[in-house]
Amino acid sequence: MEIVITTAVVICVFIWLVIASKNKSKMGINLNKVYCPVCNAKQPFMRLPGNGDQFLYGGTTCPKCHIKLDKYGKVI
């Protein structure tokens, strides 16, 4: 019985992550390349977060124009 409950929880979490990623929410996962919308510079895949939001939800600061971006490349 425990295995069935654990499996159901894992499947639900997986479905929730897929939906969150498609809707581009803060909790989603982005594995696509991100480009700065201002200077069109490619953002590094491995990043160093500059603040708490970037640490928790992803995102980066553009090294060329210093604009804060979320993990999907939108200006914050």
PDB file of N, CA and C in Angstrom:
ATOM      1  N   MET A   1       0.818  -1.202   0.000  1.00  0.00           N
ATOM      2  CA  MET A   1       0.000   0.000   0.000  1.00  0.00           C
ATOM      3  C   MET A   1       0.859   1.263   0.000  1.00  0.00           C
ATOM      4  N   GLU A   2       1.972   1.218   0.738  1.00  0.00           N
ATOM      5  CA  GLU A   2       2.857   2.390   0.798  1.00  0.00           C
ATOM      6  C   GLU A   2       3.481   2.684  -0.560  1.00  0.00           C
ATOM      7  N   ILE A   3       3.787   1.649  -1.306  1.00  0.00           N
ATOM      8  CA  ILE A   3       4.401   1.842  -2.625  1.00  0.00           C
ATOM      9  C   ILE A   3       3.406   2.513  -3.573  1.00  0.00           C
ATOM     10  N   VAL A   4       2.150   2.144  -3.478  1.00  0.00           N
ATOM     11  CA  VAL A   4       1.128   2.740  -4.339  1.00  0.00           C
ATOM     12  C   VAL A   4       0.978   4.229  -4.024  1.00  0.00           C
ATOM     13  N   ILE A   5       0.959   4.591  -2.763  1.00  0.00           N
ATOM     14  CA  ILE A   5       0.829   5.996  -2.365  1.00  0.00           C
ATOM     15  C   ILE A   5       2.058   6.787  -2.807  1.00  0.00           C
ATOM     16  N   THR A   6       3.239   6.225  -2.590  1.00  0.00           N
ATOM     17  CA  THR A   6       4.478   6.902  -2.990  1.00  0.00           C
ATOM     18  C   THR A   6       4.523   7.101  -4.503  1.00  0.00           C
ATOM     19  N   THR A   7       4.138   6.086  -5.242  1.00  0.00           N
ATOM     20  CA  THR A   7       4.119   6.191  -6.701  1.00  0.00           C
ATOM     21  C   THR A   7       3.126   7.251  -7.165  1.00  0.00           C
ATOM     22  N   ALA A   8       1.963   7.301  -6.538  1.00  0.00           N
ATOM     23  CA  ALA A   8       0.962   8.301  -6.907  1.00  0.00           C
ATOM     24  C   ALA A   8       1.464   9.712  -6.627  1.00  0.00           C
ATOM     25  N   VAL A   9       2.146   9.906  -5.504  1.00  0.00           N
ATOM     26  CA  VAL A   9       2.690  11.223  -5.161  1.00  0.00           C
ATOM     27  C   VAL A   9       3.764  11.631  -6.158  1.00  0.00           C
ATOM     28  N   VAL A  10       4.652  10.713  -6.511  1.00  0.00           N
ATOM     29  CA  VAL A  10       5.722  11.016  -7.474  1.00  0.00           C
ATOM     30  C   VAL A  10       5.129  11.375  -8.837  1.00  0.00           C
ATOM     31  N   ILE A  11       4.126  10.644  -9.272  1.00  0.00           N
ATOM     32  CA  ILE A  11       3.487  10.940 -10.559  1.00  0.00           C
ATOM     33  C   ILE A  11       2.813  12.313 -10.525  1.00  0.00           C
ATOM     34  N   CYS A  12       2.138  12.631  -9.430  1.00  0.00           N
ATOM     35  CA  CYS A  12       1.484  13.943  -9.308  1.00  0.00           C
ATOM     36  C   CYS A  12       2.496  15.083  -9.329  1.00  0.00           C
ATOM     37  N   VAL A  13       3.617  14.930  -8.637  1.00  0.00           N
ATOM     38  CA  VAL A  13       4.658  15.966  -8.623  1.00  0.00           C
ATOM     39  C   VAL A  13       5.248  16.129 -10.020  1.00  0.00           C
ATOM     40  N   PHE A  14       5.477  15.030 -10.716  1.00  0.00           N
ATOM     41  CA  PHE A  14       6.007  15.094 -12.072  1.00  0.00           C
ATOM     42  C   PHE A  14       5.042  15.834 -13.004  1.00  0.00           C
ATOM     43  N   ILE A  15       3.760  15.506 -12.943  1.00  0.00           N
ATOM     44  CA  ILE A  15       2.759  16.184 -13.774  1.00  0.00           C
ATOM     45  C   ILE A  15       2.700  17.662 -13.433  1.00  0.00           C
ATOM     46  N   TRP A  16       2.759  17.992 -12.145  1.00  0.00           N
ATOM     47  CA  TRP A  16       2.737  19.399 -11.723  1.00  0.00           C
ATOM     48  C   TRP A  16       3.954  20.157 -12.278  1.00  0.00           C
ATOM     49  N   LEU A  17       5.146  19.541 -12.252  1.00  0.00           N
ATOM     50  CA  LEU A  17       6.340  20.199 -12.792  1.00  0.00           C
ATOM     51  C   LEU A  17       6.231  20.408 -14.296  1.00  0.00           C
ATOM     52  N   VAL A  18       5.689  19.443 -15.009  1.00  0.00           N
ATOM     53  CA  VAL A  18       5.527  19.584 -16.462  1.00  0.00           C
ATOM     54  C   VAL A  18       4.570  20.733 -16.775  1.00  0.00           C
ATOM     55  N   ILE A  19       3.457  20.811 -16.053  1.00  0.00           N
ATOM     56  CA  ILE A  19       2.488  21.888 -16.288  1.00  0.00           C
ATOM     57  C   ILE A  19       3.096  23.240 -15.919  1.00  0.00           C
ATOM     58  N   ALA A  20       3.821  23.306 -14.796  1.00  0.00           N
ATOM     59  CA  ALA A  20       4.450  24.568 -14.378  1.00  0.00           C
ATOM     60  C   ALA A  20       5.498  25.015 -15.390  1.00  0.00           C
ATOM     61  N   SER A  21       6.225  24.079 -15.968  1.00  0.00           N
ATOM     62  CA  SER A  21       7.234  24.433 -16.960  1.00  0.00           C
ATOM     63  C   SER A  21       6.598  24.936 -18.246  1.00  0.00           C
ATOM     64  N   LYS A  22       5.518  24.311 -18.673  1.00  0.00           N
ATOM     65  CA  LYS A  22       4.845  24.764 -19.897  1.00  0.00           C
ATOM     66  C   LYS A  22       4.230  26.140 -19.718  1.00  0.00           C
ATOM     67  N   ASN A  23       3.733  26.437 -18.519  1.00  0.00           N
ATOM     68  CA  ASN A  23       3.139  27.744 -18.243  1.00  0.00           C
ATOM     69  C   ASN A  23       4.173  28.797 -17.864  1.00  0.00           C
ATOM     70  N   LYS A  24       5.434  28.409 -17.807  1.00  0.00           N
ATOM     71  CA  LYS A  24       6.547  29.293 -17.463  1.00  0.00           C
ATOM     72  C   LYS A  24       6.339  29.978 -16.112  1.00  0.00           C
ATOM     73  N   SER A  25       5.962  29.189 -15.126  1.00  0.00           N
ATOM     74  CA  SER A  25       5.803  29.724 -13.776  1.00  0.00           C
ATOM     75  C   SER A  25       7.150  29.728 -13.050  1.00  0.00           C
ATOM     76  N   LYS A  26       7.181  30.329 -11.874  1.00  0.00           N
ATOM     77  CA  LYS A  26       8.420  30.386 -11.112  1.00  0.00           C
ATOM     78  C   LYS A  26       8.923  28.997 -10.731  1.00  0.00           C
ATOM     79  N   MET A  27       8.023  28.068 -10.541  1.00  0.00           N
ATOM     80  CA  MET A  27       8.411  26.735 -10.091  1.00  0.00           C
ATOM     81  C   MET A  27       8.769  25.786 -11.235  1.00  0.00           C
ATOM     82  N   GLY A  28       8.631  26.222 -12.470  1.00  0.00           N
ATOM     83  CA  GLY A  28       8.932  25.370 -13.614  1.00  0.00           C
ATOM     84  C   GLY A  28      10.434  25.197 -13.818  1.00  0.00           C
ATOM     85  N   ILE A  29      10.767  24.344 -14.768  1.00  0.00           N
ATOM     86  CA  ILE A  29      12.170  24.067 -15.098  1.00  0.00           C
ATOM     87  C   ILE A  29      12.400  24.476 -16.543  1.00  0.00           C
ATOM     88  N   ASN A  30      13.444  25.258 -16.798  1.00  0.00           N
ATOM     89  CA  ASN A  30      13.781  25.685 -18.150  1.00  0.00           C
ATOM     90  C   ASN A  30      15.126  25.092 -18.523  1.00  0.00           C
ATOM     91  N   LEU A  31      15.152  24.262 -19.555  1.00  0.00           N
ATOM     92  CA  LEU A  31      16.397  23.676 -20.042  1.00  0.00           C
ATOM     93  C   LEU A  31      16.803  24.261 -21.394  1.00  0.00           C
ATOM     94  N   ASN A  32      16.055  25.259 -21.869  1.00  0.00           N
ATOM     95  CA  ASN A  32      16.372  25.907 -23.143  1.00  0.00           C
ATOM     96  C   ASN A  32      17.424  26.994 -22.948  1.00  0.00           C
ATOM     97  N   LYS A  33      18.078  27.365 -24.040  1.00  0.00           N
ATOM     98  CA  LYS A  33      19.045  28.454 -23.995  1.00  0.00           C
ATOM     99  C   LYS A  33      18.314  29.771 -23.766  1.00  0.00           C
ATOM    100  N   VAL A  34      18.933  30.650 -22.989  1.00  0.00           N
ATOM    101  CA  VAL A  34      18.325  31.944 -22.676  1.00  0.00           C
ATOM    102  C   VAL A  34      19.208  33.040 -23.253  1.00  0.00           C
ATOM    103  N   TYR A  35      18.569  33.991 -23.936  1.00  0.00           N
ATOM    104  CA  TYR A  35      19.262  35.144 -24.499  1.00  0.00           C
ATOM    105  C   TYR A  35      18.697  36.407 -23.875  1.00  0.00           C
ATOM    106  N   CYS A  36      19.557  37.390 -23.657  1.00  0.00           N
ATOM    107  CA  CYS A  36      19.129  38.672 -23.112  1.00  0.00           C
ATOM    108  C   CYS A  36      18.275  39.386 -24.156  1.00  0.00           C
ATOM    109  N   PRO A  37      17.073  39.850 -23.777  1.00  0.00           N
ATOM    110  CA  PRO A  37      16.238  40.536 -24.764  1.00  0.00           C
ATOM    111  C   PRO A  37      16.748  41.932 -25.127  1.00  0.00           C
ATOM    112  N   VAL A  38      17.666  42.498 -24.342  1.00  0.00           N
ATOM    113  CA  VAL A  38      18.172  43.837 -24.609  1.00  0.00           C
ATOM    114  C   VAL A  38      19.383  43.789 -25.535  1.00  0.00           C
ATOM    115  N   CYS A  39      20.385  42.992 -25.162  1.00  0.00           N
ATOM    116  CA  CYS A  39      21.629  42.971 -25.954  1.00  0.00           C
ATOM    117  C   CYS A  39      21.812  41.674 -26.741  1.00  0.00           C
ATOM    118  N   ASN A  40      20.874  40.736 -26.626  1.00  0.00           N
ATOM    119  CA  ASN A  40      20.884  39.462 -27.351  1.00  0.00           C
ATOM    120  C   ASN A  40      22.101  38.598 -27.026  1.00  0.00           C
ATOM    121  N   ALA A  41      22.665  38.744 -25.829  1.00  0.00           N
ATOM    122  CA  ALA A  41      23.795  37.925 -25.411  1.00  0.00           C
ATOM    123  C   ALA A  41      23.286  36.607 -24.836  1.00  0.00           C
ATOM    124  N   LYS A  42      23.965  35.519 -25.174  1.00  0.00           N
ATOM    125  CA  LYS A  42      23.592  34.213 -24.646  1.00  0.00           C
ATOM    126  C   LYS A  42      23.981  34.154 -23.167  1.00  0.00           C
ATOM    127  N   GLN A  43      23.068  33.708 -22.342  1.00  0.00           N
ATOM    128  CA  GLN A  43      23.325  33.621 -20.909  1.00  0.00           C
ATOM    129  C   GLN A  43      23.962  32.275 -20.586  1.00  0.00           C
ATOM    130  N   PRO A  44      24.861  32.235 -19.613  1.00  0.00           N
ATOM    131  CA  PRO A  44      25.532  30.970 -19.286  1.00  0.00           C
ATOM    132  C   PRO A  44      24.552  29.961 -18.702  1.00  0.00           C
ATOM    133  N   PHE A  45      24.762  28.673 -19.018  1.00  0.00           N
ATOM    134  CA  PHE A  45      23.903  27.618 -18.490  1.00  0.00           C
ATOM    135  C   PHE A  45      24.145  27.444 -16.992  1.00  0.00           C
ATOM    136  N   MET A  46      25.396  27.432 -16.588  1.00  0.00           N
ATOM    137  CA  MET A  46      25.751  27.389 -15.171  1.00  0.00           C
ATOM    138  C   MET A  46      25.859  28.831 -14.711  1.00  0.00           C
ATOM    139  N   ARG A  47      25.093  29.203 -13.720  1.00  0.00           N
ATOM    140  CA  ARG A  47      25.011  30.595 -13.326  1.00  0.00           C
ATOM    141  C   ARG A  47      25.311  30.762 -11.852  1.00  0.00           C
ATOM    142  N   LEU A  48      25.665  31.968 -11.473  1.00  0.00           N
ATOM    143  CA  LEU A  48      25.810  32.340 -10.071  1.00  0.00           C
ATOM    144  C   LEU A  48      24.677  33.302  -9.734  1.00  0.00           C
ATOM    145  N   PRO A  49      23.805  32.920  -8.816  1.00  0.00           N
ATOM    146  CA  PRO A  49      22.679  33.803  -8.494  1.00  0.00           C
ATOM    147  C   PRO A  49      23.152  35.084  -7.831  1.00  0.00           C
ATOM    148  N   GLY A  50      22.515  36.195  -8.204  1.00  0.00           N
ATOM    149  CA  GLY A  50      22.898  37.500  -7.677  1.00  0.00           C
ATOM    150  C   GLY A  50      22.058  37.950  -6.499  1.00  0.00           C
ATOM    151  N   ASN A  51      20.902  37.312  -6.294  1.00  0.00           N
ATOM    152  CA  ASN A  51      20.034  37.679  -5.174  1.00  0.00           C
ATOM    153  C   ASN A  51      19.209  36.467  -4.762  1.00  0.00           C
ATOM    154  N   GLY A  52      18.349  36.647  -3.775  1.00  0.00           N
ATOM    155  CA  GLY A  52      17.567  35.542  -3.241  1.00  0.00           C
ATOM    156  C   GLY A  52      16.585  34.943  -4.225  1.00  0.00           C
ATOM    157  N   ASP A  53      15.926  35.804  -5.024  1.00  0.00           N
ATOM    158  CA  ASP A  53      14.981  35.298  -6.019  1.00  0.00           C
ATOM    159  C   ASP A  53      15.678  34.451  -7.074  1.00  0.00           C
ATOM    160  N   GLN A  54      16.838  34.892  -7.516  1.00  0.00           N
ATOM    161  CA  GLN A  54      17.585  34.119  -8.502  1.00  0.00           C
ATOM    162  C   GLN A  54      18.043  32.790  -7.900  1.00  0.00           C
ATOM    163  N   PHE A  55      18.336  32.777  -6.631  1.00  0.00           N
ATOM    164  CA  PHE A  55      18.754  31.546  -5.975  1.00  0.00           C
ATOM    165  C   PHE A  55      17.592  30.566  -5.856  1.00  0.00           C
ATOM    166  N   LEU A  56      16.419  31.056  -5.469  1.00  0.00           N
ATOM    167  CA  LEU A  56      15.271  30.175  -5.254  1.00  0.00           C
ATOM    168  C   LEU A  56      14.580  29.768  -6.545  1.00  0.00           C
ATOM    169  N   TYR A  57      14.386  30.712  -7.459  1.00  0.00           N
ATOM    170  CA  TYR A  57      13.552  30.462  -8.628  1.00  0.00           C
ATOM    171  C   TYR A  57      14.310  30.437  -9.947  1.00  0.00           C
ATOM    172  N   GLY A  58      15.595  30.649  -9.943  1.00  0.00           N
ATOM    173  CA  GLY A  58      16.360  30.684 -11.179  1.00  0.00           C
ATOM    174  C   GLY A  58      16.450  32.096 -11.717  1.00  0.00           C
ATOM    175  N   GLY A  59      17.238  32.267 -12.719  1.00  0.00           N
ATOM    176  CA  GLY A  59      17.428  33.586 -13.303  1.00  0.00           C
ATOM    177  C   GLY A  59      18.898  33.971 -13.256  1.00  0.00           C
ATOM    178  N   THR A  60      19.193  35.082 -13.869  1.00  0.00           N
ATOM    179  CA  THR A  60      20.579  35.525 -13.951  1.00  0.00           C
ATOM    180  C   THR A  60      20.620  37.028 -14.188  1.00  0.00           C
ATOM    181  N   THR A  61      21.786  37.589 -14.121  1.00  0.00           N
ATOM    182  CA  THR A  61      22.026  38.980 -14.489  1.00  0.00           C
ATOM    183  C   THR A  61      22.919  38.964 -15.724  1.00  0.00           C
ATOM    184  N   CYS A  62      22.520  39.672 -16.755  1.00  0.00           N
ATOM    185  CA  CYS A  62      23.277  39.678 -18.005  1.00  0.00           C
ATOM    186  C   CYS A  62      24.664  40.256 -17.759  1.00  0.00           C
ATOM    187  N   PRO A  63      25.721  39.554 -18.164  1.00  0.00           N
ATOM    188  CA  PRO A  63      27.077  40.069 -17.940  1.00  0.00           C
ATOM    189  C   PRO A  63      27.419  41.297 -18.786  1.00  0.00           C
ATOM    190  N   LYS A  64      26.711  41.499 -19.896  1.00  0.00           N
ATOM    191  CA  LYS A  64      27.021  42.647 -20.764  1.00  0.00           C
ATOM    192  C   LYS A  64      26.260  43.902 -20.355  1.00  0.00           C
ATOM    193  N   CYS A  65      24.937  43.800 -20.181  1.00  0.00           N
ATOM    194  CA  CYS A  65      24.143  45.003 -19.915  1.00  0.00           C
ATOM    195  C   CYS A  65      23.610  45.072 -18.479  1.00  0.00           C
ATOM    196  N   HIS A  66      23.907  44.061 -17.659  1.00  0.00           N
ATOM    197  CA  HIS A  66      23.582  44.028 -16.228  1.00  0.00           C
ATOM    198  C   HIS A  66      22.088  44.151 -15.935  1.00  0.00           C
ATOM    199  N   ILE A  67      21.267  43.569 -16.795  1.00  0.00           N
ATOM    200  CA  ILE A  67      19.825  43.539 -16.572  1.00  0.00           C
ATOM    201  C   ILE A  67      19.477  42.200 -15.920  1.00  0.00           C
ATOM    202  N   LYS A  68      18.571  42.238 -14.941  1.00  0.00           N
ATOM    203  CA  LYS A  68      18.166  41.012 -14.257  1.00  0.00           C
ATOM    204  C   LYS A  68      17.118  40.286 -15.089  1.00  0.00           C
ATOM    205  N   LEU A  69      17.330  38.988 -15.309  1.00  0.00           N
ATOM    206  CA  LEU A  69      16.436  38.170 -16.105  1.00  0.00           C
ATOM    207  C   LEU A  69      15.935  37.000 -15.260  1.00  0.00           C
ATOM    208  N   ASP A  70      14.709  36.549 -15.545  1.00  0.00           N
ATOM    209  CA  ASP A  70      14.254  35.320 -14.905  1.00  0.00           C
ATOM    210  C   ASP A  70      14.812  34.131 -15.685  1.00  0.00           C
ATOM    211  N   LYS A  71      14.458  32.927 -15.284  1.00  0.00           N
ATOM    212  CA  LYS A  71      15.037  31.737 -15.920  1.00  0.00           C
ATOM    213  C   LYS A  71      14.559  31.520 -17.347  1.00  0.00           C
ATOM    214  N   TYR A  72      13.507  32.244 -17.751  1.00  0.00           N
ATOM    215  CA  TYR A  72      12.992  32.123 -19.114  1.00  0.00           C
ATOM    216  C   TYR A  72      13.482  33.242 -20.023  1.00  0.00           C
ATOM    217  N   GLY A  73      14.260  34.204 -19.496  1.00  0.00           N
ATOM    218  CA  GLY A  73      14.803  35.274 -20.308  1.00  0.00           C
ATOM    219  C   GLY A  73      13.973  36.546 -20.300  1.00  0.00           C
ATOM    220  N   LYS A  74      12.979  36.639 -19.444  1.00  0.00           N
ATOM    221  CA  LYS A  74      12.170  37.853 -19.343  1.00  0.00           C
ATOM    222  C   LYS A  74      12.836  38.835 -18.382  1.00  0.00           C
ATOM    223  N   VAL A  75      12.749  40.119 -18.699  1.00  0.00           N
ATOM    224  CA  VAL A  75      13.332  41.154 -17.835  1.00  0.00           C
ATOM    225  C   VAL A  75      12.497  41.256 -16.551  1.00  0.00           C
ATOM    226  N   ILE A  76      13.193  41.292 -15.442  1.00  0.00           N
ATOM    227  CA  ILE A  76      12.508  41.435 -14.140  1.00  0.00           C
ATOM    228  C   ILE A  76      12.488  42.899 -13.762  1.00  0.00           C
TER     229      ILE A  76
END
